[in-house]
Structures are given as C-alpha cells and as structure tokens.
Amino acid sequence: MKILYIILNVLKFLFIITLVSIAIVPFLWVFINSFKSNSQILSSVAGFPDGLVIKNYWNAFKLAPFVIFYRNSVIVTVISTCLNVFILSMSAYVLARYRFKFNNALVLLFSVGLVIPGAALLQPLYKTLIATSLYNTLTGLIITYAAFGIPITLYIMMSYFKTIPESLEEAAYIDGASFLRTYFQIILPLSKPALATAAVLQFLLCWNEFQFALTLTKDVSKRTLPIALYYFKSAFASDYGAMFSAVILVTIPSIIFFIIMQKQVISGLVAGAIKS
C-alpha cells in the first residue's frame, strides 16, 4: 500500500513538472534568444548566448512604434476592463438573485457567446463599426472587447453571487437600505475576489488580442501592442533578436499583472465553484 502511495505521488509530481515545463520553457526560450544576435540564433537556437545583446531591445523600439502601441493598449485594456466588470457585475447580480420571465433564457443567450468563434464575428463587426463610424477608433475596440468578455464575466460573477447568503441583503432591507445601497455597500465589497478574477481574465483578453485589433483598425496611431510583432517580419529578412525582444515587451505586462492578482484570482475561482 505504501509503495502504491509513493508511486502515485511520484506520478503527480511528474505530471505537475510536465505542466510547469510546458508553460515556462517556451517563455524562457524566447527570453534567452532575446539576448542573442541573429547569427547566434540561427547557429544555435537552443543554446545560451555568448554575450548579452542588449541592443535588441533598443532595436525593437526603433523598428516598431512601441510607445504608441503601449499607450493604446493601456487605454483600451483599462477602459474595456472597467466597463465590462462594472456593467456585468450589476447584470449578474440581478440574474443570480431575482427570478423573472426569460431569466434562464437570458443566461443561456449570454452563454452562447462562449461557443461562437471570434473569426465568425469579424465580418459583421467590421460592417457594424463602419456603419456607426467606430471603425479605426479606440472606442470601437473598447466596445468590442467589453462585449466579447460578457459570457466569462457573467458566469464568474453569477457563480460568486450565489455563494453570498441572502440573509445579508434581507437584514439590510429591514434596516431601511435601498436596493442600490445594499448592492454597492454590502454585495460589491464582498465580491472583490470575483471582481478581481473577472478583471484579470478581461485584462488578458484585451491585452493579448490580435485578430480584432488587426481587422478593426488601419492606422498606426489606433493599433495596439500585439500588432507590433508584424514589424519584425518581412519577405526578405527578419531581425529575430529584436522580434524575440518585442515578444517579451508584449507579454511581460500581462505576466506581472497576473502575478500581482493571482491570490484574488484563485480565491475567486474557488469560491465561485461552490454553490450555496
């Protein structure tokens, strides 16, 4: 029995190591190659650099307008995340707490967005934004991203609201609190883990999204950070060192943001998985 227990622990450990390696090794490989010259990358892709080529990061800023892309990404991501979480938290609260006609139908309608691929929405979105004069604008991207994150945010917030005892709201109503005061002063502060979880997932969606950003914008002044990687590939030559540096510059903010918020994300997902 003890031998079986040891074997199971070893298998669990190997499984975890495998998952961690799949997640970390590609990032480390890109990070190491960002300090190599083109000749070093082409001669030894998996080896360590002979010396740190710091100028790759400087070349990345010269080849692509990173300052503009960073600014646009911050504006679009922050506003879209705040808009999505603020509106969907209120919607999820009503759907989770109150029973009315078409309640389940509304939840199902929002959930359908989880199974619709983004590519299928490109053409109608493109035509809609042109018709509303929102094509090639940051406002168009903000609205698109906020809407695209509806199913996940709604599901997370509804699941968490169902874990909050209804007696808290009943006590507030007895004390004379209004619906809005109960929501903003009691329910919302208790929902911080779920809000953080939804915000992180929405942040990652907005920050790393490429397809919509490429299709729904055309001017450099309106494009976001993932588009910057387009500047490092041409038909005749490529600066691989600068391209790997650009990948690090694009991905590192989302990694840092997730590390900062990971405790809230884990607590939000765990609490939301338990239905009272």
Protein backbone atom coordinates (compact mmCIF):
# COMPACT_ATOMS: atom_id res chain seq x y z
CA MET A 1 0.00 0.00 0.00
CA LYS A 2 2.85 2.34 0.89
CA ILE A 3 4.59 1.56 -2.42
CA LEU A 4 1.39 2.41 -4.32
CA TYR A 5 1.12 5.67 -2.40
CA ILE A 6 4.73 6.57 -3.29
CA ILE A 7 4.16 5.72 -6.96
CA LEU A 8 1.04 7.93 -7.08
CA ASN A 9 2.94 10.83 -5.50
CA VAL A 10 5.79 10.42 -7.99
CA LEU A 11 3.31 10.39 -10.90
CA LYS A 12 1.60 13.52 -9.53
CA PHE A 13 4.96 15.24 -9.20
CA LEU A 14 5.97 14.30 -12.76
CA PHE A 15 2.61 15.49 -14.06
CA ILE A 16 3.00 18.88 -12.33
CA ILE A 17 6.59 19.23 -13.56
CA THR A 18 5.42 18.48 -17.12
CA LEU A 19 2.68 21.14 -16.96
CA VAL A 20 5.05 23.73 -15.48
CA SER A 21 7.65 22.95 -18.15
CA ILE A 22 5.09 23.35 -20.95
CA ALA A 23 4.16 26.76 -19.55
CA ILE A 24 7.61 28.11 -18.64
CA VAL A 25 10.08 26.60 -21.14
CA PRO A 26 8.75 28.46 -24.25
CA PHE A 27 8.88 31.79 -22.39
CA LEU A 28 12.43 31.11 -21.13
CA TRP A 29 13.47 30.11 -24.65
CA VAL A 30 12.16 33.39 -26.08
CA PHE A 31 13.73 35.36 -23.20
CA ILE A 32 17.17 33.77 -23.73
CA ASN A 33 17.03 34.31 -27.50
CA SER A 34 16.11 37.97 -27.00
CA PHE A 35 19.72 38.50 -25.86
CA LYS A 36 21.30 36.79 -28.90
CA SER A 37 22.40 38.17 -32.22
CA ASN A 38 20.84 36.86 -35.45
CA SER A 39 23.87 34.71 -36.20
CA GLN A 40 23.78 33.13 -32.74
CA ILE A 41 20.06 32.38 -33.03
CA LEU A 42 20.45 30.76 -36.47
CA SER A 43 23.51 28.73 -35.45
CA SER A 44 22.24 27.56 -32.04
CA VAL A 45 18.56 28.07 -31.36
CA ALA A 46 18.56 26.19 -28.05
CA GLY A 47 21.93 27.34 -26.70
CA PHE A 48 22.76 30.14 -24.30
CA PRO A 49 24.05 33.49 -25.66
CA ASP A 50 27.80 34.09 -25.84
CA GLY A 51 27.14 37.62 -24.62
CA LEU A 52 24.09 39.69 -23.77
CA VAL A 53 22.97 41.67 -26.83
CA ILE A 54 21.01 44.39 -25.02
CA LYS A 55 20.67 46.41 -28.20
CA ASN A 56 17.95 44.00 -29.38
CA TYR A 57 15.52 45.80 -27.07
CA TRP A 58 16.65 49.17 -28.40
CA ASN A 59 16.23 47.90 -31.97
CA ALA A 60 12.72 46.71 -31.11
CA PHE A 61 11.75 50.26 -30.13
CA LYS A 62 13.33 51.60 -33.33
CA LEU A 63 11.59 49.13 -35.66
CA ALA A 64 8.10 49.47 -34.15
CA PRO A 65 6.28 52.43 -32.54
CA PHE A 66 6.09 50.74 -29.14
CA VAL A 67 5.29 53.93 -27.25
CA ILE A 68 2.13 54.50 -29.33
CA PHE A 69 1.12 50.84 -29.12
CA TYR A 70 1.69 50.71 -25.36
CA ARG A 71 -0.40 53.85 -24.89
CA ASN A 72 -3.26 52.47 -26.99
CA SER A 73 -3.14 49.08 -25.27
CA VAL A 74 -3.28 50.66 -21.82
CA ILE A 75 -6.23 52.90 -22.78
CA VAL A 76 -8.20 50.12 -24.47
CA THR A 77 -7.46 47.49 -21.82
CA VAL A 78 -8.15 49.62 -18.74
CA ILE A 79 -11.37 51.20 -20.03
CA SER A 80 -12.69 47.97 -21.54
CA THR A 81 -11.96 46.01 -18.35
CA CYS A 82 -13.61 48.60 -16.09
CA LEU A 83 -16.63 48.86 -18.40
CA ASN A 84 -17.04 45.10 -18.67
CA VAL A 85 -16.68 44.34 -14.96
CA PHE A 86 -18.82 47.27 -13.77
CA ILE A 87 -21.79 46.60 -16.08
CA LEU A 88 -21.65 42.79 -15.96
CA SER A 89 -21.38 42.69 -12.16
CA MET A 90 -24.72 44.52 -11.91
CA SER A 91 -26.31 42.33 -14.59
CA ALA A 92 -25.03 39.14 -12.97
CA TYR A 93 -26.39 40.22 -9.57
CA VAL A 94 -29.92 40.67 -10.96
CA LEU A 95 -29.79 37.37 -12.88
CA ALA A 96 -28.43 35.48 -9.86
CA ARG A 97 -30.80 36.91 -7.24
CA TYR A 98 -34.13 37.54 -8.96
CA ARG A 99 -36.42 35.16 -10.79
CA PHE A 100 -38.41 36.69 -13.62
CA LYS A 101 -39.73 35.68 -17.01
CA PHE A 102 -36.98 34.75 -19.51
CA ASN A 103 -34.34 34.75 -16.74
CA ASN A 104 -32.88 31.39 -17.81
CA ALA A 105 -33.25 32.31 -21.47
CA LEU A 106 -31.15 35.45 -20.95
CA VAL A 107 -28.42 33.48 -19.17
CA LEU A 108 -28.42 30.93 -21.98
CA LEU A 109 -28.30 33.68 -24.60
CA PHE A 110 -25.23 35.25 -22.99
CA SER A 111 -23.60 31.82 -22.58
CA VAL A 112 -23.87 31.12 -26.32
CA GLY A 113 -21.01 33.60 -26.78
CA LEU A 114 -18.64 31.01 -25.31
CA VAL A 115 -19.10 28.67 -28.28
CA ILE A 116 -19.03 31.26 -31.09
CA PRO A 117 -15.52 31.61 -32.57
CA GLY A 118 -14.15 35.12 -32.88
CA ALA A 119 -13.40 34.67 -36.58
CA ALA A 120 -17.13 34.20 -37.28
CA LEU A 121 -17.81 37.67 -35.83
CA LEU A 122 -15.20 39.59 -37.81
CA GLN A 123 -17.30 40.45 -40.87
CA PRO A 124 -20.47 41.58 -39.02
CA LEU A 125 -18.32 43.52 -36.54
CA TYR A 126 -16.41 45.17 -39.37
CA LYS A 127 -19.63 46.26 -41.10
CA THR A 128 -21.22 47.40 -37.85
CA LEU A 129 -18.25 49.57 -36.86
CA ILE A 130 -18.09 51.15 -40.32
CA ALA A 131 -21.83 51.89 -40.22
CA THR A 132 -21.51 53.51 -36.79
CA SER A 133 -18.30 55.42 -37.66
CA LEU A 134 -16.38 53.46 -35.00
CA TYR A 135 -14.04 51.68 -37.42
CA ASN A 136 -10.37 52.54 -36.87
CA THR A 137 -11.07 54.05 -33.44
CA LEU A 138 -10.06 53.09 -29.92
CA THR A 139 -13.71 53.44 -28.91
CA GLY A 140 -14.66 50.69 -31.35
CA LEU A 141 -12.03 48.35 -29.89
CA ILE A 142 -13.09 49.16 -26.32
CA ILE A 143 -16.75 48.35 -27.01
CA THR A 144 -15.82 45.19 -28.95
CA TYR A 145 -13.57 43.83 -26.20
CA ALA A 146 -16.04 44.72 -23.43
CA ALA A 147 -18.79 42.87 -25.29
CA PHE A 148 -16.60 39.89 -26.16
CA GLY A 149 -15.87 39.29 -22.45
CA ILE A 150 -19.55 39.21 -21.46
CA PRO A 151 -20.01 35.40 -21.13
CA ILE A 152 -16.97 34.76 -18.91
CA THR A 153 -17.51 37.76 -16.63
CA LEU A 154 -21.22 36.99 -16.29
CA TYR A 155 -20.54 33.37 -15.38
CA ILE A 156 -17.88 34.23 -12.79
CA MET A 157 -19.96 36.93 -11.12
CA MET A 158 -23.20 34.91 -11.09
CA SER A 159 -21.43 31.92 -9.57
CA TYR A 160 -19.94 34.07 -6.83
CA PHE A 161 -23.14 35.99 -6.03
CA LYS A 162 -24.91 32.67 -5.41
CA THR A 163 -22.42 31.91 -2.60
CA ILE A 164 -23.35 35.11 -0.68
CA PRO A 165 -26.13 34.45 1.88
CA GLU A 166 -29.37 36.23 1.02
CA SER A 167 -29.84 36.95 4.74
CA LEU A 168 -27.30 39.76 4.44
CA GLU A 169 -29.48 41.58 1.92
CA GLU A 170 -32.65 40.88 3.89
CA ALA A 171 -31.07 42.40 7.01
CA ALA A 172 -30.04 45.46 5.01
CA TYR A 173 -33.57 45.91 3.63
CA ILE A 174 -35.03 45.60 7.14
CA ASP A 175 -32.66 48.37 8.29
CA GLY A 176 -34.00 50.60 5.54
CA ALA A 177 -31.25 50.26 2.92
CA SER A 178 -32.31 50.68 -0.69
CA PHE A 179 -31.54 48.21 -3.47
CA LEU A 180 -28.62 50.28 -4.80
CA ARG A 181 -27.16 50.94 -1.35
CA THR A 182 -27.35 47.23 -0.50
CA TYR A 183 -25.58 46.34 -3.72
CA PHE A 184 -22.81 48.95 -3.59
CA GLN A 185 -22.12 48.91 0.17
CA ILE A 186 -22.66 45.22 1.02
CA ILE A 187 -22.64 42.93 -2.02
CA LEU A 188 -19.94 44.61 -4.09
CA PRO A 189 -17.30 44.77 -1.30
CA LEU A 190 -17.90 41.06 -0.57
CA SER A 191 -17.39 40.27 -4.26
CA LYS A 192 -13.80 41.53 -4.53
CA PRO A 193 -12.32 38.07 -5.33
CA ALA A 194 -14.80 37.54 -8.17
CA LEU A 195 -14.29 41.09 -9.44
CA ALA A 196 -10.52 40.54 -9.43
CA THR A 197 -10.87 37.23 -11.28
CA ALA A 198 -13.13 38.71 -13.94
CA ALA A 199 -10.87 41.77 -14.27
CA VAL A 200 -7.73 39.67 -14.77
CA LEU A 201 -9.34 37.48 -17.44
CA GLN A 202 -10.74 40.52 -19.23
CA PHE A 203 -7.36 42.27 -18.98
CA LEU A 204 -5.58 39.30 -20.57
CA LEU A 205 -8.21 39.10 -23.32
CA CYS A 206 -7.82 42.79 -24.21
CA TRP A 207 -4.03 42.98 -23.84
CA ASN A 208 -3.18 39.91 -25.94
CA GLU A 209 -5.95 40.07 -28.57
CA PHE A 210 -4.60 40.28 -32.12
CA GLN A 211 -7.29 39.38 -34.64
CA PHE A 212 -9.82 42.13 -33.87
CA ALA A 213 -7.09 44.73 -33.36
CA LEU A 214 -5.67 43.97 -36.80
CA THR A 215 -9.03 43.87 -38.63
CA LEU A 216 -10.87 46.74 -36.94
CA THR A 217 -8.05 49.30 -37.19
CA LYS A 218 -5.83 50.50 -40.03
CA ASP A 219 -3.80 53.47 -38.76
CA VAL A 220 -0.66 53.04 -36.65
CA SER A 221 -1.99 55.63 -34.20
CA LYS A 222 -5.00 53.40 -33.43
CA ARG A 223 -3.38 49.99 -33.16
CA THR A 224 -2.47 48.04 -30.03
CA LEU A 225 0.60 46.21 -28.79
CA PRO A 226 0.17 42.71 -30.36
CA ILE A 227 0.28 44.34 -33.82
CA ALA A 228 3.85 45.43 -33.08
CA LEU A 229 5.09 41.91 -33.86
CA TYR A 230 4.15 42.49 -37.51
CA TYR A 231 7.03 44.96 -37.83
CA PHE A 232 9.72 42.31 -37.34
CA LYS A 233 8.94 40.05 -40.28
CA SER A 234 9.45 40.91 -43.93
CA ALA A 235 9.60 38.98 -47.18
CA PHE A 236 13.38 39.18 -47.42
CA ALA A 237 14.87 39.47 -43.92
CA SER A 238 14.00 39.26 -40.24
CA ASP A 239 15.63 40.64 -37.12
CA TYR A 240 14.98 37.65 -34.86
CA GLY A 241 16.74 39.13 -31.85
CA ALA A 242 14.58 42.25 -31.97
CA MET A 243 11.49 40.14 -32.63
CA PHE A 244 12.10 37.99 -29.54
CA SER A 245 12.69 41.18 -27.55
CA ALA A 246 9.37 42.53 -28.83
CA VAL A 247 7.60 39.35 -27.72
CA ILE A 248 8.99 39.84 -24.20
CA LEU A 249 7.92 43.50 -24.19
CA VAL A 250 4.40 42.50 -25.27
CA THR A 251 3.90 39.62 -22.81
CA ILE A 252 5.68 40.82 -19.66
CA PRO A 253 2.96 43.31 -18.53
CA SER A 254 0.25 40.63 -18.57
CA ILE A 255 2.50 38.22 -16.66
CA ILE A 256 3.28 40.83 -14.00
CA PHE A 257 -0.41 41.76 -13.69
CA PHE A 258 -1.40 38.11 -13.24
CA ILE A 259 1.32 37.52 -10.62
CA ILE A 260 0.10 40.52 -8.63
CA MET A 261 -3.54 39.40 -8.80
CA GLN A 262 -3.08 35.61 -8.58
CA LYS A 263 -4.29 35.25 -4.96
CA GLN A 264 -7.52 37.07 -5.73
CA VAL A 265 -7.99 35.05 -8.92
CA ILE A 266 -7.57 31.71 -7.14
CA SER A 267 -9.89 32.66 -4.26
CA GLY A 268 -12.48 33.99 -6.71
CA LEU A 269 -12.47 30.84 -8.84
CA VAL A 270 -12.62 28.53 -5.81
CA ALA A 271 -15.41 30.47 -4.10
CA GLY A 272 -17.37 30.77 -7.34
CA ALA A 273 -17.22 27.00 -7.81
CA ILE A 274 -19.15 26.40 -4.57
CA LYS A 275 -22.87 26.99 -4.79
CA SER A 276 -24.69 27.62 -1.55
